[in-house]
Amino acid sequence: MFSYRHAFHAGNHADVLKHAILVHVLDHFNRKDNPYWVIDTHAGAGIYDLEGKWSSARPSQNPTTDSLEAPKERRPEYLDGVMRLHTADHPPELITRYLEALEAFNAPDELRYYPGSPWLTMEAMRDRDRLRLFELHPSEVDVLAQNLSHHARGRSRQVVLEQADGFAGIKALLPPPTRRGMVLIDPSYENKNDYKYTLSAVQEGLKRFATGTFIVWYPLVQRREVQNLTRALERLDTVWVHAALQVKRPASDGFGLHGSGMFVVNPPWTLHDSLAQALPWLAKTLGQDQRAGFTLTRSARS
C-alpha cells in the first residue's frame, strides 16, 4: 500500500485542477475575518522540487530528500501540466490566481518548486487559522516533517502533523472549534477501498459538520469504483459542485490516468461560474488528444 509517491506526479494536470480549486476556496474563506480550520487527510510531502530525482520533495531552503532509489527516467508529468500554463495565452481568472500562488514559492519567471496543498494552505492562512495534516506513508511523513521545520508556520502551533490514517483522524476534529472549515480528501486510490472510505468520510463528516466544505479529488481511471463514488456523492442532499477534466482518451489496455475530478460540498458561491470559465480553457491547454474535454455539474439546491 505504500508504493505511491506523489512526487512522481507533482504539477501534473490533476494537480492543476485540484490546487486551482483549493486556492479559490481558501481565498473565499479569507474574505471573512472569522478563523477557520483546514484538515488535509493525505498531505504528501508538502512541496516538491520539479528538477529533483523524484520531482524531489523539498522546501525552498535547506532542501531535504529521502534516500530511496530514484525511479527510472521518464518524461516529467509537470511538463504536460502546470508548465503548459506558463506558455498559454489569456488564462481565466481562476488559473491566473493559481499561478500567482505558485509564484510565491519560486524566483521570478521560474517554476522549480511546486507547492502541494499544505504549502498553499500555509501561505493563505491567517494568524488565527489552523491546519491539521495527516500522512500515513512512513517516508513521506518524514520528508513532510522536515519540510515543515523550514517554514515559520510549519514550526508554529497553527500546524499539527500526525502520522495516521486521515480517514479515521478527521472524526475527532469535526466540527472544528471555530465552526468554519474545510476538509481536503485526496488519497492515491491505489487501494480500491479508498473509494468507499472517501464516500464514508464525506457522509459521516456532514453528520458532524453539516456546514463544512468538503473537497474530494478523484482520478479518472477505468474502474467501476470511480462511477460508484461520483454517483453516490451526487445523491447527497446538500449543495455541491462537480468538475471533471479529461486530457486524453482512456488507454486501450485499461490502465493509466486520463484525467481527474473534483467534488466540492458546500462550495463558495463563486466556484461554479469560475470553473465554467476555466474548464474549457484547461481542456484546450492541457489536452493531449481529441478526446480532451470536461464536465461541470451542480446540485439542484445550488
Protein backbone atom coordinates (compact mmCIF):
# COMPACT_ATOMS: atom_id res chain seq x y z
CA MET A 1 0.00 0.00 0.00
CA PHE A 2 3.00 2.32 0.32
CA SER A 3 4.27 2.30 -3.29
CA TYR A 4 2.51 5.55 -4.19
CA ARG A 5 4.67 8.70 -4.12
CA HIS A 6 3.06 11.96 -5.15
CA ALA A 7 6.42 13.39 -6.23
CA PHE A 8 6.09 11.27 -9.38
CA HIS A 9 3.05 13.35 -10.35
CA ALA A 10 3.71 16.80 -8.85
CA GLY A 11 2.41 19.59 -11.05
CA ASN A 12 0.54 17.33 -13.47
CA HIS A 13 -2.90 18.07 -14.91
CA ALA A 14 -4.61 16.61 -11.84
CA ASP A 15 -2.66 18.90 -9.52
CA VAL A 16 -3.59 21.88 -11.68
CA LEU A 17 -7.31 21.20 -11.28
CA LYS A 18 -7.05 20.28 -7.60
CA HIS A 19 -4.92 23.19 -6.48
CA ALA A 20 -6.60 25.86 -8.62
CA ILE A 21 -9.85 24.96 -6.87
CA LEU A 22 -8.17 24.82 -3.44
CA VAL A 23 -6.70 28.30 -3.89
CA HIS A 24 -10.13 29.62 -4.89
CA VAL A 25 -11.75 28.09 -1.79
CA LEU A 26 -9.02 29.44 0.50
CA ASP A 27 -9.45 32.92 -0.96
CA HIS A 28 -13.17 32.70 -0.31
CA PHE A 29 -12.64 31.69 3.33
CA ASN A 30 -10.27 34.63 3.78
CA ARG A 31 -12.98 37.10 2.82
CA LYS A 32 -14.38 36.84 6.34
CA ASP A 33 -12.44 37.67 9.49
CA ASN A 34 -13.67 34.59 11.36
CA PRO A 35 -10.92 31.96 11.74
CA TYR A 36 -11.16 28.58 10.06
CA TRP A 37 -9.55 25.14 10.09
CA VAL A 38 -8.20 23.17 7.14
CA ILE A 39 -7.92 19.40 7.53
CA ASP A 40 -5.81 17.61 4.92
CA THR A 41 -6.30 13.83 5.06
CA HIS A 42 -3.43 12.86 2.73
CA ALA A 43 -0.86 15.62 2.95
CA GLY A 44 2.06 14.15 0.99
CA ALA A 45 5.49 15.75 1.34
CA GLY A 46 4.21 19.31 1.16
CA ILE A 47 6.40 20.86 -1.55
CA TYR A 48 8.26 19.34 -4.49
CA ASP A 49 11.42 20.10 -6.43
CA LEU A 50 10.48 19.63 -10.07
CA GLU A 51 14.13 19.20 -11.01
CA GLY A 52 14.77 16.53 -8.37
CA LYS A 53 15.18 12.80 -8.84
CA TRP A 54 11.57 12.09 -7.77
CA SER A 55 10.48 15.57 -8.72
CA SER A 56 12.01 15.50 -5.21
CA ALA A 57 10.06 16.72 -2.22
CA ARG A 58 11.84 19.55 -0.54
CA PRO A 59 11.47 23.16 0.66
CA SER A 60 13.00 26.21 -1.00
CA GLN A 61 15.66 26.43 1.70
CA ASN A 62 17.69 23.62 3.29
CA PRO A 63 16.17 21.04 0.96
CA THR A 64 15.52 17.51 2.15
CA THR A 65 15.31 14.40 0.02
CA ASP A 66 14.85 10.82 1.06
CA SER A 67 17.37 8.11 0.32
CA LEU A 68 15.17 5.76 -1.68
CA GLU A 69 16.33 4.78 -5.15
CA ALA A 70 15.08 7.14 -7.81
CA PRO A 71 12.56 5.86 -10.37
CA LYS A 72 13.60 5.08 -13.92
CA GLU A 73 13.90 8.19 -16.05
CA ARG A 74 10.70 9.22 -17.82
CA ARG A 75 9.07 12.39 -19.07
CA PRO A 76 8.19 14.55 -16.05
CA GLU A 77 4.42 14.90 -15.73
CA TYR A 78 4.55 18.61 -14.89
CA LEU A 79 5.66 19.32 -18.48
CA ASP A 80 2.16 18.35 -19.65
CA GLY A 81 0.59 20.00 -16.62
CA VAL A 82 1.49 23.24 -14.90
CA MET A 83 4.32 24.08 -17.31
CA ARG A 84 1.87 24.35 -20.20
CA LEU A 85 0.03 27.11 -18.36
CA HIS A 86 3.09 29.37 -18.43
CA THR A 87 3.19 29.47 -22.22
CA ALA A 88 -0.57 29.67 -22.82
CA ASP A 89 -2.35 32.91 -23.66
CA HIS A 90 -5.15 34.62 -21.75
CA PRO A 91 -5.66 32.31 -18.74
CA PRO A 92 -9.00 32.75 -16.98
CA GLU A 93 -9.16 34.32 -13.54
CA LEU A 94 -9.17 31.01 -11.65
CA ILE A 95 -5.91 29.97 -13.33
CA THR A 96 -4.30 33.39 -13.07
CA ARG A 97 -4.85 33.33 -9.30
CA TYR A 98 -3.46 29.77 -9.09
CA LEU A 99 -0.32 30.80 -10.97
CA GLU A 100 0.09 33.76 -8.61
CA ALA A 101 0.02 31.35 -5.69
CA LEU A 102 2.80 29.28 -7.28
CA GLU A 103 4.94 32.37 -7.83
CA ALA A 104 5.21 32.88 -4.08
CA PHE A 105 7.47 29.80 -3.90
CA ASN A 106 9.67 30.50 -6.92
CA ALA A 107 12.07 33.03 -8.35
CA PRO A 108 10.64 35.42 -10.96
CA ASP A 109 9.94 33.73 -14.30
CA GLU A 110 10.90 30.34 -12.87
CA LEU A 111 8.96 27.27 -11.84
CA ARG A 112 11.16 24.88 -9.91
CA TYR A 113 9.26 24.27 -6.68
CA TYR A 114 5.72 23.02 -6.77
CA PRO A 115 3.69 23.60 -3.59
CA GLY A 116 1.28 20.89 -2.52
CA SER A 117 -1.87 21.56 -0.55
CA PRO A 118 -0.09 22.05 2.84
CA TRP A 119 2.13 24.80 1.43
CA LEU A 120 -0.68 26.54 -0.46
CA THR A 121 -2.74 26.49 2.72
CA MET A 122 0.05 27.82 4.95
CA GLU A 123 0.63 30.66 2.50
CA ALA A 124 -3.08 31.59 2.56
CA MET A 125 -3.97 31.17 6.23
CA ARG A 126 -4.05 33.97 8.78
CA ASP A 127 -2.71 34.00 12.33
CA ARG A 128 -5.85 32.54 13.91
CA ASP A 129 -6.45 29.84 11.29
CA ARG A 130 -5.34 26.25 11.85
CA LEU A 131 -4.05 23.42 9.65
CA ARG A 132 -4.24 19.75 10.59
CA LEU A 133 -2.23 17.36 8.43
CA PHE A 134 -2.42 13.58 8.16
CA GLU A 135 0.03 11.41 6.27
CA LEU A 136 0.40 7.64 6.71
CA HIS A 137 3.27 6.90 4.31
CA PRO A 138 6.36 6.50 6.57
CA SER A 139 8.88 8.01 4.15
CA GLU A 140 6.55 10.77 3.02
CA VAL A 141 5.68 11.86 6.56
CA ASP A 142 9.38 12.12 7.47
CA VAL A 143 10.03 14.39 4.49
CA LEU A 144 6.94 16.45 5.29
CA ALA A 145 8.04 16.89 8.92
CA GLN A 146 11.48 18.07 7.82
CA ASN A 147 9.99 20.39 5.23
CA LEU A 148 7.65 21.89 7.84
CA SER A 149 10.64 22.61 10.07
CA HIS A 150 11.86 25.12 7.46
CA HIS A 151 8.57 27.05 7.34
CA ALA A 152 7.66 29.57 10.04
CA ARG A 153 4.05 28.44 10.19
CA GLY A 154 5.11 24.80 9.97
CA ARG A 155 7.02 25.25 13.23
CA SER A 156 4.15 27.04 14.95
CA ARG A 157 1.18 25.75 16.90
CA GLN A 158 -1.00 26.63 13.94
CA VAL A 159 0.04 23.44 12.16
CA VAL A 160 -0.20 19.90 13.56
CA LEU A 161 1.06 16.85 11.69
CA GLU A 162 0.09 13.28 12.55
CA GLN A 163 1.37 10.07 11.01
CA ALA A 164 -2.05 8.49 10.90
CA ASP A 165 -4.91 7.40 8.68
CA GLY A 166 -6.59 10.63 7.67
CA PHE A 167 -9.95 8.94 7.12
CA ALA A 168 -10.00 7.95 10.79
CA GLY A 169 -8.29 11.10 12.03
CA ILE A 170 -10.89 13.59 10.87
CA LYS A 171 -13.58 12.06 13.06
CA ALA A 172 -12.10 13.55 16.22
CA LEU A 173 -11.68 17.00 14.63
CA LEU A 174 -15.20 17.63 13.36
CA PRO A 175 -16.73 20.02 13.90
CA PRO A 176 -13.74 22.33 14.40
CA PRO A 177 -13.96 24.73 17.37
CA THR A 178 -14.34 27.69 15.00
CA ARG A 179 -17.32 26.10 13.21
CA ARG A 180 -15.69 27.22 9.96
CA GLY A 181 -13.51 24.93 7.95
CA MET A 182 -12.77 22.66 5.04
CA VAL A 183 -11.66 19.05 4.66
CA LEU A 184 -9.47 18.09 1.71
CA ILE A 185 -9.70 14.38 0.84
CA ASP A 186 -7.31 13.24 -1.88
CA PRO A 187 -5.95 9.73 -1.36
CA SER A 188 -3.99 7.98 -4.08
CA TYR A 189 -6.81 5.46 -4.63
CA GLU A 190 -4.08 2.90 -5.16
CA ASN A 191 -6.06 0.86 -2.66
CA LYS A 192 -9.53 0.33 -4.16
CA ASN A 193 -11.02 0.64 -0.67
CA ASP A 194 -10.13 4.34 -0.75
CA TYR A 195 -13.24 4.97 -2.85
CA LYS A 196 -15.61 3.69 -0.18
CA TYR A 197 -13.52 5.27 2.59
CA THR A 198 -13.80 8.62 0.82
CA LEU A 199 -17.56 8.36 0.49
CA SER A 200 -17.93 7.36 4.14
CA ALA A 201 -15.68 10.23 5.23
CA VAL A 202 -17.91 12.75 3.46
CA GLN A 203 -21.17 11.21 4.64
CA GLU A 204 -20.05 10.91 8.26
CA GLY A 205 -18.32 14.28 8.14
CA LEU A 206 -21.52 16.02 7.09
CA LYS A 207 -23.32 14.49 10.06
CA ARG A 208 -20.77 16.10 12.38
CA PHE A 209 -20.21 19.29 10.40
CA ALA A 210 -23.12 19.97 8.06
CA THR A 211 -21.90 23.45 7.09
CA GLY A 212 -18.31 22.37 6.40
CA THR A 213 -16.72 22.45 2.97
CA PHE A 214 -15.57 19.00 1.83
CA ILE A 215 -13.24 18.87 -1.17
CA VAL A 216 -12.80 15.46 -2.82
CA TRP A 217 -10.28 14.74 -5.54
CA TYR A 218 -10.53 11.52 -7.55
CA PRO A 219 -8.75 10.06 -10.59
CA LEU A 220 -10.34 9.39 -13.96
CA VAL A 221 -9.34 5.77 -14.44
CA GLN A 222 -11.20 2.81 -15.90
CA ARG A 223 -12.59 1.44 -12.66
CA ARG A 224 -16.23 0.98 -11.78
CA GLU A 225 -15.39 2.36 -8.32
CA VAL A 226 -15.00 5.83 -9.86
CA GLN A 227 -18.56 5.87 -11.16
CA ASN A 228 -19.87 4.37 -7.94
CA LEU A 229 -18.19 7.14 -5.92
CA THR A 230 -19.32 10.05 -8.08
CA ARG A 231 -22.90 8.81 -8.36
CA ALA A 232 -23.13 8.38 -4.60
CA LEU A 233 -21.69 11.84 -3.99
CA GLU A 234 -24.17 13.40 -6.42
CA ARG A 235 -27.01 11.83 -4.43
CA LEU A 236 -26.03 13.77 -1.31
CA ASP A 237 -28.82 16.03 -0.09
CA THR A 238 -26.67 19.14 0.07
CA VAL A 239 -25.14 21.85 -2.11
CA TRP A 240 -22.27 20.70 -4.32
CA VAL A 241 -20.26 21.41 -7.46
CA HIS A 242 -18.69 18.61 -9.50
CA ALA A 243 -15.97 19.24 -12.09
CA ALA A 244 -14.01 16.73 -14.15
CA LEU A 245 -11.19 17.34 -16.63
CA GLN A 246 -10.21 14.70 -19.19
CA VAL A 247 -6.91 15.32 -21.01
CA LYS A 248 -6.77 12.29 -23.31
CA ARG A 249 -8.59 9.16 -24.40
CA PRO A 250 -8.56 6.23 -21.97
CA ALA A 251 -5.75 3.78 -22.67
CA SER A 252 -6.65 0.71 -24.69
CA ASP A 253 -5.18 -1.58 -22.04
CA GLY A 254 -7.42 -0.07 -19.36
CA PHE A 255 -4.56 1.33 -17.30
CA GLY A 256 -3.40 4.87 -16.62
CA LEU A 257 -4.85 8.22 -15.65
CA HIS A 258 -6.70 10.11 -18.36
CA GLY A 259 -8.00 12.93 -16.18
CA SER A 260 -9.33 13.74 -12.74
CA GLY A 261 -12.30 15.20 -10.95
CA MET A 262 -13.13 17.44 -8.03
CA PHE A 263 -16.30 17.24 -5.97
CA VAL A 264 -16.88 20.17 -3.60
CA VAL A 265 -19.60 20.06 -0.96
CA ASN A 266 -20.77 23.44 0.37
CA PRO A 267 -18.62 25.28 -2.20
CA PRO A 268 -18.08 29.03 -2.43
CA TRP A 269 -20.94 30.54 -4.40
CA THR A 270 -18.35 31.81 -6.89
CA LEU A 271 -16.84 28.41 -7.70
CA HIS A 272 -19.25 27.10 -10.35
CA ASP A 273 -19.08 30.20 -12.54
CA SER A 274 -15.30 30.40 -12.16
CA LEU A 275 -15.00 26.79 -13.30
CA ALA A 276 -17.38 27.41 -16.19
CA GLN A 277 -14.84 29.93 -17.49
CA ALA A 278 -11.72 27.92 -16.63
CA LEU A 279 -12.56 24.38 -17.70
CA PRO A 280 -12.87 24.96 -21.49
CA TRP A 281 -9.52 26.76 -21.40
CA LEU A 282 -7.93 23.98 -19.33
CA ALA A 283 -9.24 21.28 -21.68
CA LYS A 284 -7.73 23.12 -24.65
CA THR A 285 -4.45 23.95 -22.90
CA LEU A 286 -3.83 20.61 -21.18
CA GLY A 287 -5.48 18.37 -23.77
CA GLN A 288 -3.23 15.68 -25.25
CA ASP A 289 -5.56 14.41 -27.97
CA GLN A 290 -9.03 14.93 -29.43
CA ARG A 291 -10.74 13.24 -26.51
CA ALA A 292 -9.83 16.05 -24.11
CA GLY A 293 -12.85 17.68 -22.52
CA PHE A 294 -14.65 18.48 -19.29
CA THR A 295 -17.90 18.18 -17.39
CA LEU A 296 -19.35 20.59 -14.86
CA THR A 297 -22.50 19.98 -12.86
CA ARG A 298 -24.03 21.20 -9.63
CA SER A 299 -26.76 20.17 -7.27
CA ALA A 300 -30.35 21.20 -7.71
CA ARG A 301 -30.09 23.13 -4.44
CA SER A 302 -27.25 25.33 -5.75
